[in-house]
Amino acid sequence: MDLSEELEFLPPEERQGFKDIVLEEAKNQTERVAYYECASVGSRSFSGRPVRQLVYVTFYIRSNKKIVSMFLDGTDAKKQIEEKAAELMPTASNQADFEFKDSRQIMNAIKRSPICKFYYLLVRLEPLHPIRTDSHEARCDECRQMIYGHRYKCTDCADFDICQNCESKSLHSEHAMLRIKKDGVTHIPNYITANAPRFVFPNAC
């Protein structure tokens, strides 16, 4: 990662300041010093990071992205990210990245840039839309709510689907689940349909 690539993780109005610092230090052959270095506030967290940390967070959805600076709290980071996502992109799902189950995962996903030494985090969002079956809207077989975002189909049970919210709670964890973004779009490999019970994928060739 070079300097220009690294600066893409910063808000546009702050990039020149970081660039000037790095170039000046390189010119003077001094040891690099992190600009806006994150200060520890309180005790250390489980990952060795400060309990509160200044992080440049990139929220992105397809070709659109927004970068903001946030002081993330190691015990409340998930809530902070979800609230900021809903504020910046209200039309997108605010269940960040669908992989962050708790604040610990978010704090562990924070990276430090090698040149400017700032901390950054990438958060992927997706459009909020219902996933439909061929004839009707799909309901989650756990919470009975309409499924939005990703649908998770059981590869063992007959016609059993759960929503991404229930999947994040490890419900129905005794069976392998197949993530389907959209019927007719998500490609299901032949080896999965060939080895699954016939009633799971009745329309598979």
N, C-alpha and C. Protein backbone atom coordinates (compact mmCIF):
# COMPACT_ATOMS: atom_id res chain seq x y z
N MET A 1 0.84 -1.19 0.00
CA MET A 1 0.00 0.00 0.00
C MET A 1 0.88 1.24 0.00
N ASP A 2 0.73 2.11 -1.01
CA ASP A 2 1.52 3.33 -1.04
C ASP A 2 0.74 4.47 -0.39
N LEU A 3 1.36 5.65 -0.35
CA LEU A 3 0.76 6.78 0.35
C LEU A 3 -0.57 7.19 -0.26
N SER A 4 -0.66 7.24 -1.58
CA SER A 4 -1.90 7.65 -2.23
C SER A 4 -3.05 6.70 -1.92
N GLU A 5 -2.74 5.39 -1.87
CA GLU A 5 -3.77 4.41 -1.54
C GLU A 5 -4.19 4.55 -0.08
N GLU A 6 -3.23 4.81 0.77
CA GLU A 6 -3.50 4.95 2.20
C GLU A 6 -4.40 6.15 2.48
N LEU A 7 -4.17 7.24 1.76
CA LEU A 7 -4.94 8.46 2.00
C LEU A 7 -6.41 8.30 1.61
N GLU A 8 -6.73 7.28 0.80
CA GLU A 8 -8.12 7.04 0.41
C GLU A 8 -8.99 6.63 1.60
N PHE A 9 -8.37 6.23 2.70
CA PHE A 9 -9.12 5.83 3.89
C PHE A 9 -9.44 7.02 4.79
N LEU A 10 -9.04 8.23 4.37
CA LEU A 10 -9.27 9.44 5.15
C LEU A 10 -10.31 10.32 4.48
N PRO A 11 -11.01 11.15 5.26
CA PRO A 11 -11.91 12.14 4.66
C PRO A 11 -11.10 13.06 3.75
N PRO A 12 -11.64 13.47 2.61
CA PRO A 12 -10.88 14.31 1.66
C PRO A 12 -10.25 15.54 2.28
N GLU A 13 -10.95 16.17 3.24
CA GLU A 13 -10.44 17.41 3.82
C GLU A 13 -9.23 17.19 4.73
N GLU A 14 -8.94 15.96 5.09
CA GLU A 14 -7.81 15.69 5.99
C GLU A 14 -6.61 15.07 5.29
N ARG A 15 -6.75 14.72 4.01
CA ARG A 15 -5.68 14.00 3.31
C ARG A 15 -4.42 14.84 3.13
N GLN A 16 -4.59 16.10 2.76
CA GLN A 16 -3.42 16.93 2.51
C GLN A 16 -2.59 17.12 3.78
N GLY A 17 -3.28 17.25 4.93
CA GLY A 17 -2.56 17.42 6.19
C GLY A 17 -1.68 16.23 6.51
N PHE A 18 -2.21 15.02 6.32
CA PHE A 18 -1.42 13.82 6.55
C PHE A 18 -0.27 13.74 5.56
N LYS A 19 -0.56 14.06 4.30
CA LYS A 19 0.47 13.99 3.26
C LYS A 19 1.62 14.95 3.56
N ASP A 20 1.30 16.18 3.99
CA ASP A 20 2.34 17.16 4.31
C ASP A 20 3.22 16.69 5.44
N ILE A 21 2.60 16.08 6.45
CA ILE A 21 3.36 15.59 7.60
C ILE A 21 4.36 14.52 7.15
N VAL A 22 3.87 13.55 6.37
CA VAL A 22 4.72 12.45 5.92
C VAL A 22 5.86 12.96 5.05
N LEU A 23 5.56 13.85 4.12
CA LEU A 23 6.60 14.36 3.22
C LEU A 23 7.64 15.18 3.98
N GLU A 24 7.18 15.95 4.95
CA GLU A 24 8.12 16.76 5.73
C GLU A 24 9.04 15.88 6.54
N GLU A 25 8.49 14.83 7.14
CA GLU A 25 9.31 13.93 7.95
C GLU A 25 10.30 13.17 7.08
N ALA A 26 9.84 12.77 5.88
CA ALA A 26 10.75 12.06 4.97
C ALA A 26 11.89 12.98 4.53
N LYS A 27 11.56 14.24 4.29
CA LYS A 27 12.58 15.21 3.86
C LYS A 27 13.62 15.41 4.94
N ASN A 28 13.20 15.49 6.15
CA ASN A 28 14.12 15.72 7.27
C ASN A 28 14.74 14.44 7.81
N GLN A 29 14.32 13.31 7.19
CA GLN A 29 14.82 11.99 7.60
C GLN A 29 14.64 11.76 9.10
N THR A 30 13.48 12.18 9.56
CA THR A 30 13.17 11.95 10.96
C THR A 30 12.27 10.73 11.09
N GLU A 31 12.17 10.26 12.28
CA GLU A 31 11.30 9.12 12.53
C GLU A 31 9.86 9.53 12.32
N ARG A 32 9.10 8.70 11.63
CA ARG A 32 7.70 9.00 11.38
C ARG A 32 6.93 9.07 12.69
N VAL A 33 6.08 10.08 12.78
CA VAL A 33 5.24 10.24 13.96
C VAL A 33 3.80 10.24 13.49
N ALA A 34 2.95 9.50 14.15
CA ALA A 34 1.56 9.42 13.71
C ALA A 34 0.85 10.75 13.91
N TYR A 35 0.27 11.23 12.84
CA TYR A 35 -0.52 12.46 12.90
C TYR A 35 -1.89 12.09 13.45
N TYR A 36 -2.36 12.84 14.46
CA TYR A 36 -3.60 12.50 15.14
C TYR A 36 -3.48 11.13 15.78
N GLU A 37 -2.33 10.84 16.38
CA GLU A 37 -2.13 9.54 17.01
C GLU A 37 -3.21 9.30 18.05
N CYS A 38 -3.74 8.11 18.05
CA CYS A 38 -4.83 7.80 18.97
C CYS A 38 -4.29 7.70 20.40
N ALA A 39 -4.92 8.41 21.30
CA ALA A 39 -4.50 8.38 22.70
C ALA A 39 -5.32 7.37 23.48
N SER A 40 -4.69 6.74 24.43
CA SER A 40 -5.42 5.82 25.29
C SER A 40 -6.27 6.60 26.27
N VAL A 41 -7.49 6.12 26.43
CA VAL A 41 -8.38 6.73 27.40
C VAL A 41 -8.85 5.62 28.32
N GLY A 42 -8.41 5.64 29.57
CA GLY A 42 -8.80 4.59 30.50
C GLY A 42 -7.89 3.38 30.35
N SER A 43 -8.42 2.22 30.70
CA SER A 43 -7.63 1.00 30.68
C SER A 43 -7.61 0.38 29.30
N ARG A 44 -6.75 -0.63 29.13
CA ARG A 44 -6.65 -1.32 27.85
C ARG A 44 -7.77 -2.34 27.70
N SER A 45 -8.12 -2.60 26.42
CA SER A 45 -9.20 -3.55 26.14
C SER A 45 -8.62 -4.94 25.93
N PHE A 46 -9.50 -5.88 25.58
CA PHE A 46 -9.12 -7.27 25.37
C PHE A 46 -8.07 -7.42 24.28
N SER A 47 -8.04 -6.56 23.26
CA SER A 47 -7.12 -6.71 22.14
C SER A 47 -5.84 -5.92 22.35
N GLY A 48 -5.70 -5.25 23.47
CA GLY A 48 -4.53 -4.42 23.69
C GLY A 48 -4.71 -3.02 23.16
N ARG A 49 -5.86 -2.73 22.54
CA ARG A 49 -6.14 -1.40 22.03
C ARG A 49 -6.73 -0.54 23.14
N PRO A 50 -6.71 0.79 22.98
CA PRO A 50 -7.36 1.65 23.97
C PRO A 50 -8.86 1.36 24.04
N VAL A 51 -9.45 1.60 25.19
CA VAL A 51 -10.89 1.40 25.33
C VAL A 51 -11.63 2.33 24.37
N ARG A 52 -11.14 3.56 24.20
CA ARG A 52 -11.69 4.47 23.20
C ARG A 52 -10.57 4.80 22.22
N GLN A 53 -10.92 4.75 20.94
CA GLN A 53 -9.89 4.90 19.93
C GLN A 53 -10.42 5.72 18.75
N LEU A 54 -9.60 6.65 18.26
CA LEU A 54 -9.96 7.43 17.10
C LEU A 54 -9.75 6.59 15.85
N VAL A 55 -10.82 6.37 15.10
CA VAL A 55 -10.76 5.50 13.93
C VAL A 55 -11.44 6.20 12.76
N TYR A 56 -10.83 6.11 11.58
CA TYR A 56 -11.46 6.62 10.36
C TYR A 56 -12.25 5.47 9.74
N VAL A 57 -13.56 5.63 9.76
CA VAL A 57 -14.45 4.55 9.34
C VAL A 57 -15.00 4.84 7.95
N THR A 58 -14.81 3.90 7.03
CA THR A 58 -15.35 4.02 5.68
C THR A 58 -16.60 3.15 5.58
N PHE A 59 -17.75 3.80 5.41
CA PHE A 59 -19.00 3.09 5.15
C PHE A 59 -19.20 3.07 3.64
N TYR A 60 -19.37 1.89 3.06
CA TYR A 60 -19.53 1.87 1.61
C TYR A 60 -20.64 0.91 1.19
N ILE A 61 -21.31 1.31 0.12
CA ILE A 61 -22.38 0.51 -0.46
C ILE A 61 -22.27 0.65 -1.96
N ARG A 62 -21.88 -0.42 -2.63
CA ARG A 62 -21.64 -0.41 -4.07
C ARG A 62 -20.64 0.68 -4.41
N SER A 63 -21.03 1.66 -5.23
CA SER A 63 -20.08 2.70 -5.65
C SER A 63 -20.08 3.91 -4.73
N ASN A 64 -20.91 3.91 -3.72
CA ASN A 64 -21.02 5.06 -2.82
C ASN A 64 -20.28 4.77 -1.51
N LYS A 65 -19.52 5.75 -1.04
CA LYS A 65 -18.84 5.57 0.24
C LYS A 65 -18.78 6.90 0.98
N LYS A 66 -18.76 6.80 2.30
CA LYS A 66 -18.63 7.97 3.16
C LYS A 66 -17.62 7.64 4.25
N ILE A 67 -16.73 8.60 4.52
CA ILE A 67 -15.67 8.40 5.50
C ILE A 67 -15.85 9.39 6.64
N VAL A 68 -15.87 8.89 7.85
CA VAL A 68 -16.02 9.75 9.03
C VAL A 68 -15.01 9.33 10.09
N SER A 69 -14.65 10.26 10.95
CA SER A 69 -13.80 9.92 12.09
C SER A 69 -14.69 9.66 13.29
N MET A 70 -14.42 8.60 14.02
CA MET A 70 -15.22 8.21 15.17
C MET A 70 -14.33 7.78 16.31
N PHE A 71 -14.72 8.13 17.52
CA PHE A 71 -14.08 7.58 18.71
C PHE A 71 -14.86 6.33 19.09
N LEU A 72 -14.33 5.17 18.74
CA LEU A 72 -15.02 3.92 19.02
C LEU A 72 -14.70 3.43 20.42
N ASP A 73 -15.75 3.03 21.11
CA ASP A 73 -15.64 2.50 22.46
C ASP A 73 -15.57 0.98 22.37
N GLY A 74 -14.56 0.39 22.98
CA GLY A 74 -14.38 -1.04 22.89
C GLY A 74 -15.54 -1.86 23.40
N THR A 75 -16.37 -1.30 24.27
CA THR A 75 -17.51 -2.04 24.81
C THR A 75 -18.82 -1.71 24.11
N ASP A 76 -18.82 -0.68 23.26
CA ASP A 76 -20.07 -0.25 22.65
C ASP A 76 -19.92 0.05 21.16
N ALA A 77 -18.86 -0.49 20.55
CA ALA A 77 -18.54 -0.15 19.16
C ALA A 77 -19.62 -0.60 18.18
N LYS A 78 -20.22 -1.75 18.41
CA LYS A 78 -21.24 -2.25 17.49
C LYS A 78 -22.42 -1.29 17.40
N LYS A 79 -22.89 -0.82 18.53
CA LYS A 79 -24.00 0.12 18.56
C LYS A 79 -23.62 1.43 17.88
N GLN A 80 -22.39 1.90 18.11
CA GLN A 80 -21.93 3.13 17.49
C GLN A 80 -21.91 3.02 15.97
N ILE A 81 -21.41 1.89 15.47
CA ILE A 81 -21.32 1.68 14.03
C ILE A 81 -22.72 1.59 13.42
N GLU A 82 -23.61 0.87 14.06
CA GLU A 82 -24.97 0.72 13.54
C GLU A 82 -25.70 2.06 13.49
N GLU A 83 -25.55 2.87 14.54
CA GLU A 83 -26.21 4.17 14.57
C GLU A 83 -25.65 5.11 13.52
N LYS A 84 -24.33 5.10 13.34
CA LYS A 84 -23.72 5.96 12.34
C LYS A 84 -24.09 5.52 10.92
N ALA A 85 -24.17 4.22 10.70
CA ALA A 85 -24.57 3.70 9.39
C ALA A 85 -25.99 4.14 9.05
N ALA A 86 -26.90 4.05 10.03
CA ALA A 86 -28.28 4.46 9.81
C ALA A 86 -28.37 5.96 9.54
N GLU A 87 -27.49 6.73 10.17
CA GLU A 87 -27.48 8.18 9.97
C GLU A 87 -26.94 8.56 8.59
N LEU A 88 -25.86 7.93 8.17
CA LEU A 88 -25.21 8.29 6.91
C LEU A 88 -25.92 7.71 5.69
N MET A 89 -26.41 6.48 5.82
CA MET A 89 -27.04 5.80 4.69
C MET A 89 -28.33 5.15 5.15
N PRO A 90 -29.37 5.95 5.35
CA PRO A 90 -30.63 5.42 5.89
C PRO A 90 -31.33 4.42 4.98
N THR A 91 -30.99 4.41 3.69
CA THR A 91 -31.66 3.47 2.78
C THR A 91 -30.96 2.12 2.75
N ALA A 92 -29.83 2.01 3.42
CA ALA A 92 -29.09 0.74 3.44
C ALA A 92 -29.37 0.00 4.73
N SER A 93 -29.06 -1.28 4.71
CA SER A 93 -29.18 -2.05 5.94
C SER A 93 -28.15 -1.55 6.93
N ASN A 94 -28.54 -1.29 8.17
CA ASN A 94 -27.56 -0.81 9.14
C ASN A 94 -26.99 -1.96 9.97
N GLN A 95 -27.19 -3.18 9.49
CA GLN A 95 -26.50 -4.30 10.14
C GLN A 95 -25.13 -4.40 9.49
N ALA A 96 -24.16 -3.76 10.09
CA ALA A 96 -22.86 -3.53 9.46
C ALA A 96 -22.18 -4.83 9.05
N ASP A 97 -21.91 -4.93 7.76
CA ASP A 97 -21.03 -5.94 7.19
C ASP A 97 -21.55 -7.37 7.35
N PHE A 98 -22.54 -7.58 8.19
CA PHE A 98 -23.14 -8.88 8.43
C PHE A 98 -22.14 -9.87 9.01
N GLU A 99 -20.96 -9.40 9.33
CA GLU A 99 -19.96 -10.27 9.95
C GLU A 99 -19.61 -9.81 11.35
N PHE A 100 -19.91 -8.57 11.67
CA PHE A 100 -19.62 -8.04 13.00
C PHE A 100 -20.74 -8.43 13.96
N LYS A 101 -20.50 -9.42 14.76
CA LYS A 101 -21.53 -9.89 15.69
C LYS A 101 -21.50 -9.11 16.99
N ASP A 102 -20.34 -8.53 17.33
CA ASP A 102 -20.23 -7.82 18.59
C ASP A 102 -19.10 -6.79 18.49
N SER A 103 -18.95 -6.01 19.56
CA SER A 103 -17.93 -4.95 19.58
C SER A 103 -16.52 -5.51 19.50
N ARG A 104 -16.31 -6.68 20.06
CA ARG A 104 -14.97 -7.29 20.02
C ARG A 104 -14.52 -7.48 18.57
N GLN A 105 -15.41 -8.01 17.72
CA GLN A 105 -15.04 -8.23 16.32
C GLN A 105 -14.74 -6.92 15.61
N ILE A 106 -15.50 -5.89 15.92
CA ILE A 106 -15.26 -4.60 15.29
C ILE A 106 -13.89 -4.06 15.68
N MET A 107 -13.56 -4.09 16.97
CA MET A 107 -12.28 -3.57 17.42
C MET A 107 -11.12 -4.38 16.84
N ASN A 108 -11.31 -5.68 16.70
CA ASN A 108 -10.25 -6.51 16.14
C ASN A 108 -10.09 -6.32 14.63
N ALA A 109 -11.14 -5.77 13.98
CA ALA A 109 -11.07 -5.53 12.53
C ALA A 109 -10.39 -4.21 12.18
N ILE A 110 -10.15 -3.38 13.17
CA ILE A 110 -9.48 -2.09 12.94
C ILE A 110 -8.04 -2.32 12.52
N LYS A 111 -7.62 -1.61 11.48
CA LYS A 111 -6.25 -1.74 10.98
C LYS A 111 -5.52 -0.41 11.14
N ARG A 112 -4.18 -0.49 11.12
CA ARG A 112 -3.37 0.70 11.22
C ARG A 112 -2.59 0.89 9.92
N SER A 113 -2.67 2.07 9.35
CA SER A 113 -1.98 2.33 8.09
C SER A 113 -0.48 2.33 8.31
N PRO A 114 0.29 1.76 7.37
CA PRO A 114 1.73 1.60 7.58
C PRO A 114 2.54 2.88 7.50
N ILE A 115 2.05 3.89 6.78
CA ILE A 115 2.84 5.11 6.58
C ILE A 115 2.41 6.22 7.53
N CYS A 116 1.14 6.59 7.47
CA CYS A 116 0.64 7.70 8.30
C CYS A 116 0.29 7.28 9.72
N LYS A 117 0.17 5.97 9.94
CA LYS A 117 -0.06 5.43 11.28
C LYS A 117 -1.42 5.78 11.88
N PHE A 118 -2.42 6.02 11.05
CA PHE A 118 -3.76 6.24 11.59
C PHE A 118 -4.51 4.91 11.58
N TYR A 119 -5.59 4.85 12.36
CA TYR A 119 -6.41 3.64 12.43
C TYR A 119 -7.62 3.79 11.52
N TYR A 120 -7.99 2.70 10.83
CA TYR A 120 -9.13 2.76 9.92
C TYR A 120 -9.92 1.45 9.97
N LEU A 121 -11.17 1.56 9.54
CA LEU A 121 -12.07 0.42 9.54
C LEU A 121 -12.97 0.50 8.31
N LEU A 122 -13.16 -0.61 7.64
CA LEU A 122 -14.06 -0.68 6.48
C LEU A 122 -15.34 -1.38 6.89
N VAL A 123 -16.47 -0.74 6.57
CA VAL A 123 -17.78 -1.31 6.91
C VAL A 123 -18.62 -1.39 5.64
N ARG A 124 -18.92 -2.60 5.22
CA ARG A 124 -19.73 -2.79 4.03
C ARG A 124 -21.22 -2.81 4.39
N LEU A 125 -22.00 -2.06 3.64
CA LEU A 125 -23.45 -2.04 3.83
C LEU A 125 -24.10 -2.56 2.55
N GLU A 126 -25.33 -3.00 2.67
CA GLU A 126 -26.03 -3.49 1.49
C GLU A 126 -27.44 -2.92 1.46
N PRO A 127 -28.00 -2.78 0.25
CA PRO A 127 -29.37 -2.24 0.14
C PRO A 127 -30.35 -3.11 0.90
N LEU A 128 -31.30 -2.46 1.52
CA LEU A 128 -32.33 -3.18 2.28
C LEU A 128 -33.48 -3.50 1.34
N HIS A 129 -33.65 -4.75 1.02
CA HIS A 129 -34.73 -5.13 0.12
C HIS A 129 -35.20 -6.53 0.49
N PRO A 130 -36.47 -6.83 0.24
CA PRO A 130 -36.96 -8.17 0.55
C PRO A 130 -36.44 -9.19 -0.45
N ILE A 131 -36.13 -10.39 0.03
CA ILE A 131 -35.77 -11.48 -0.85
C ILE A 131 -37.01 -12.34 -1.03
N ARG A 132 -37.40 -12.59 -2.26
CA ARG A 132 -38.66 -13.28 -2.55
C ARG A 132 -38.41 -14.68 -3.09
N THR A 133 -39.35 -15.56 -2.87
CA THR A 133 -39.33 -16.85 -3.52
C THR A 133 -40.03 -16.69 -4.86
N ASP A 134 -40.19 -17.79 -5.59
CA ASP A 134 -40.82 -17.68 -6.91
C ASP A 134 -42.26 -17.21 -6.83
N SER A 135 -42.97 -17.58 -5.75
CA SER A 135 -44.40 -17.28 -5.71
C SER A 135 -44.80 -16.33 -4.59
N HIS A 136 -43.96 -16.16 -3.58
CA HIS A 136 -44.36 -15.29 -2.47
C HIS A 136 -43.13 -14.84 -1.70
N GLU A 137 -43.29 -13.83 -0.85
CA GLU A 137 -42.19 -13.35 -0.02
C GLU A 137 -41.82 -14.41 1.03
N ALA A 138 -40.51 -14.56 1.23
CA ALA A 138 -40.03 -15.59 2.16
C ALA A 138 -40.09 -15.08 3.60
N ARG A 139 -40.54 -15.95 4.50
CA ARG A 139 -40.54 -15.63 5.93
C ARG A 139 -39.50 -16.48 6.64
N CYS A 140 -38.93 -15.89 7.67
CA CYS A 140 -37.95 -16.61 8.49
C CYS A 140 -38.67 -17.68 9.29
N ASP A 141 -38.15 -18.91 9.25
CA ASP A 141 -38.78 -20.00 9.98
C ASP A 141 -38.44 -19.99 11.47
N GLU A 142 -37.63 -19.03 11.92
CA GLU A 142 -37.35 -18.90 13.34
C GLU A 142 -38.17 -17.76 13.96
N CYS A 143 -38.04 -16.53 13.40
CA CYS A 143 -38.74 -15.38 14.00
C CYS A 143 -40.06 -15.06 13.30
N ARG A 144 -40.33 -15.72 12.17
CA ARG A 144 -41.57 -15.57 11.42
C ARG A 144 -41.71 -14.19 10.77
N GLN A 145 -40.65 -13.41 10.71
CA GLN A 145 -40.68 -12.11 10.06
C GLN A 145 -40.29 -12.25 8.59
N MET A 146 -40.67 -11.23 7.77
CA MET A 146 -40.25 -11.23 6.39
C MET A 146 -38.73 -11.14 6.32
N ILE A 147 -38.13 -11.81 5.35
CA ILE A 147 -36.67 -11.83 5.23
C ILE A 147 -36.20 -10.66 4.38
N TYR A 148 -35.28 -9.89 4.93
CA TYR A 148 -34.64 -8.79 4.22
C TYR A 148 -33.15 -9.03 4.19
N GLY A 149 -32.49 -8.53 3.15
CA GLY A 149 -31.06 -8.73 3.05
C GLY A 149 -30.74 -10.14 2.59
N HIS A 150 -29.91 -10.86 3.34
CA HIS A 150 -29.54 -12.21 2.97
C HIS A 150 -30.51 -13.23 3.55
N ARG A 151 -30.78 -14.26 2.76
CA ARG A 151 -31.58 -15.39 3.23
C ARG A 151 -30.64 -16.57 3.42
N TYR A 152 -30.81 -17.30 4.52
CA TYR A 152 -29.98 -18.46 4.80
C TYR A 152 -30.84 -19.71 4.71
N LYS A 153 -30.50 -20.57 3.76
CA LYS A 153 -31.29 -21.78 3.50
C LYS A 153 -30.58 -22.99 4.07
N CYS A 154 -31.32 -23.79 4.82
CA CYS A 154 -30.75 -25.00 5.39
C CYS A 154 -30.50 -26.02 4.29
N THR A 155 -29.32 -26.64 4.29
CA THR A 155 -28.98 -27.63 3.27
C THR A 155 -29.39 -29.04 3.68
N ASP A 156 -30.11 -29.15 4.80
CA ASP A 156 -30.51 -30.47 5.28
C ASP A 156 -32.02 -30.58 5.46
N CYS A 157 -32.65 -29.48 5.94
CA CYS A 157 -34.10 -29.50 6.19
C CYS A 157 -34.89 -29.16 4.92
N ALA A 158 -36.10 -29.61 4.87
CA ALA A 158 -36.96 -29.31 3.73
C ALA A 158 -37.55 -27.91 3.88
N ASP A 159 -37.26 -27.05 2.93
CA ASP A 159 -37.85 -25.71 2.86
C ASP A 159 -37.72 -24.96 4.19
N PHE A 160 -36.51 -24.82 4.68
CA PHE A 160 -36.27 -24.12 5.95
C PHE A 160 -35.31 -22.96 5.69
N ASP A 161 -35.79 -21.75 5.96
CA ASP A 161 -34.99 -20.54 5.72
C ASP A 161 -35.00 -19.67 6.97
N ILE A 162 -33.89 -18.98 7.22
CA ILE A 162 -33.85 -18.02 8.32
C ILE A 162 -33.26 -16.70 7.81
N CYS A 163 -33.56 -15.63 8.51
CA CYS A 163 -33.08 -14.30 8.14
C CYS A 163 -31.67 -14.10 8.68
N GLN A 164 -31.02 -13.04 8.21
CA GLN A 164 -29.64 -12.78 8.63
C GLN A 164 -29.56 -12.43 10.12
N ASN A 165 -30.63 -11.87 10.66
CA ASN A 165 -30.62 -11.51 12.08
C ASN A 165 -30.61 -12.77 12.94
N CYS A 166 -31.43 -13.75 12.59
CA CYS A 166 -31.46 -15.01 13.34
C CYS A 166 -30.17 -15.80 13.13
N GLU A 167 -29.61 -15.72 11.91
CA GLU A 167 -28.36 -16.42 11.65
C GLU A 167 -27.23 -15.86 12.49
N SER A 168 -27.26 -14.53 12.72
CA SER A 168 -26.21 -13.91 13.52
C SER A 168 -26.27 -14.36 14.98
N LYS A 169 -27.43 -14.88 15.41
CA LYS A 169 -27.59 -15.39 16.77
C LYS A 169 -27.28 -16.88 16.86
N SER A 170 -26.77 -17.43 15.75
CA SER A 170 -26.39 -18.85 15.68
C SER A 170 -27.58 -19.78 15.88
N LEU A 171 -28.77 -19.33 15.46
CA LEU A 171 -29.94 -20.20 15.52
C LEU A 171 -29.86 -21.23 14.40
N HIS A 172 -30.33 -22.41 14.67
CA HIS A 172 -30.28 -23.54 13.72
C HIS A 172 -28.82 -23.87 13.36
N SER A 173 -27.94 -23.73 14.33
CA SER A 173 -26.52 -23.92 14.08
C SER A 173 -26.14 -25.40 13.91
N GLU A 174 -27.08 -26.31 14.14
CA GLU A 174 -26.77 -27.73 14.02
C GLU A 174 -26.66 -28.17 12.56
N HIS A 175 -27.14 -27.33 11.63
CA HIS A 175 -27.07 -27.66 10.21
C HIS A 175 -26.31 -26.58 9.44
N ALA A 176 -25.70 -26.97 8.34
CA ALA A 176 -25.01 -26.00 7.47
C ALA A 176 -26.04 -25.16 6.73
N MET A 177 -25.79 -23.84 6.65
CA MET A 177 -26.72 -22.92 6.00
C MET A 177 -26.07 -22.33 4.75
N LEU A 178 -26.87 -22.17 3.71
CA LEU A 178 -26.40 -21.58 2.46
C LEU A 178 -26.91 -20.14 2.37
N ARG A 179 -26.00 -19.18 2.20
CA ARG A 179 -26.40 -17.78 2.11
C ARG A 179 -26.84 -17.45 0.70
N ILE A 180 -28.06 -16.93 0.56
CA ILE A 180 -28.61 -16.55 -0.74
C ILE A 180 -28.93 -15.07 -0.71
N LYS A 181 -28.27 -14.31 -1.57
CA LYS A 181 -28.52 -12.87 -1.62
C LYS A 181 -29.81 -12.57 -2.37
N LYS A 182 -30.00 -13.24 -3.50
CA LYS A 182 -31.21 -13.02 -4.28
C LYS A 182 -31.47 -14.24 -5.14
N ASP A 183 -32.71 -14.73 -5.11
CA ASP A 183 -33.06 -15.89 -5.91
C ASP A 183 -32.84 -15.59 -7.39
N GLY A 184 -32.27 -16.55 -8.09
CA GLY A 184 -32.02 -16.38 -9.51
C GLY A 184 -30.75 -15.62 -9.81
N VAL A 185 -30.12 -15.04 -8.79
CA VAL A 185 -28.88 -14.29 -8.97
C VAL A 185 -27.72 -14.99 -8.29
N THR A 186 -27.93 -15.40 -7.04
CA THR A 186 -26.88 -16.11 -6.31
C THR A 186 -26.65 -17.48 -6.93
N HIS A 187 -25.43 -17.74 -7.34
CA HIS A 187 -25.10 -19.03 -7.96
C HIS A 187 -24.88 -20.08 -6.88
N ILE A 188 -25.58 -21.20 -7.02
CA ILE A 188 -25.42 -22.31 -6.09
C ILE A 188 -24.64 -23.40 -6.82
N PRO A 189 -23.43 -23.72 -6.35
CA PRO A 189 -22.59 -24.72 -7.03
C PRO A 189 -23.30 -26.07 -7.16
N ASN A 190 -23.01 -26.75 -8.25
CA ASN A 190 -23.66 -28.04 -8.51
C ASN A 190 -23.38 -29.08 -7.44
N TYR A 191 -22.17 -29.02 -6.84
CA TYR A 191 -21.84 -30.03 -5.83
C TYR A 191 -22.72 -29.90 -4.59
N ILE A 192 -23.24 -28.68 -4.35
CA ILE A 192 -24.13 -28.50 -3.20
C ILE A 192 -25.51 -29.08 -3.51
N THR A 193 -26.06 -28.73 -4.67
CA THR A 193 -27.39 -29.26 -5.03
C THR A 193 -27.34 -30.76 -5.25
N ALA A 194 -26.22 -31.28 -5.75
CA ALA A 194 -26.12 -32.71 -6.02
C ALA A 194 -26.06 -33.53 -4.75
N ASN A 195 -25.45 -32.97 -3.69
CA ASN A 195 -25.28 -33.71 -2.45
C ASN A 195 -26.35 -33.43 -1.41
N ALA A 196 -27.20 -32.43 -1.66
CA ALA A 196 -28.26 -32.10 -0.71
C ALA A 196 -29.46 -33.03 -0.95
N PRO A 197 -30.26 -33.25 0.09
CA PRO A 197 -31.49 -34.03 -0.10
C PRO A 197 -32.33 -33.43 -1.23
N ARG A 198 -33.00 -34.27 -2.00
CA ARG A 198 -33.72 -33.80 -3.19
C ARG A 198 -34.79 -32.76 -2.86
N PHE A 199 -35.38 -32.87 -1.67
CA PHE A 199 -36.45 -31.93 -1.33
C PHE A 199 -35.94 -30.53 -0.98
N VAL A 200 -34.62 -30.36 -0.75
CA VAL A 200 -34.08 -29.05 -0.41
C VAL A 200 -34.02 -28.16 -1.64
N PHE A 201 -33.59 -28.73 -2.77
CA PHE A 201 -33.52 -27.98 -4.03
C PHE A 201 -34.33 -28.74 -5.08
N PRO A 202 -35.65 -28.71 -4.99
CA PRO A 202 -36.48 -29.52 -5.90
C PRO A 202 -36.36 -29.10 -7.35
N ASN A 203 -35.97 -27.85 -7.62
CA ASN A 203 -35.90 -27.38 -9.00
C ASN A 203 -34.52 -27.53 -9.61
N ALA A 204 -33.57 -28.05 -8.84
CA ALA A 204 -32.21 -28.21 -9.36
C ALA A 204 -32.17 -29.33 -10.38
N CYS A 205 -31.33 -29.14 -11.40
CA CYS A 205 -31.21 -30.16 -12.44
C CYS A 205 -30.39 -31.34 -11.94
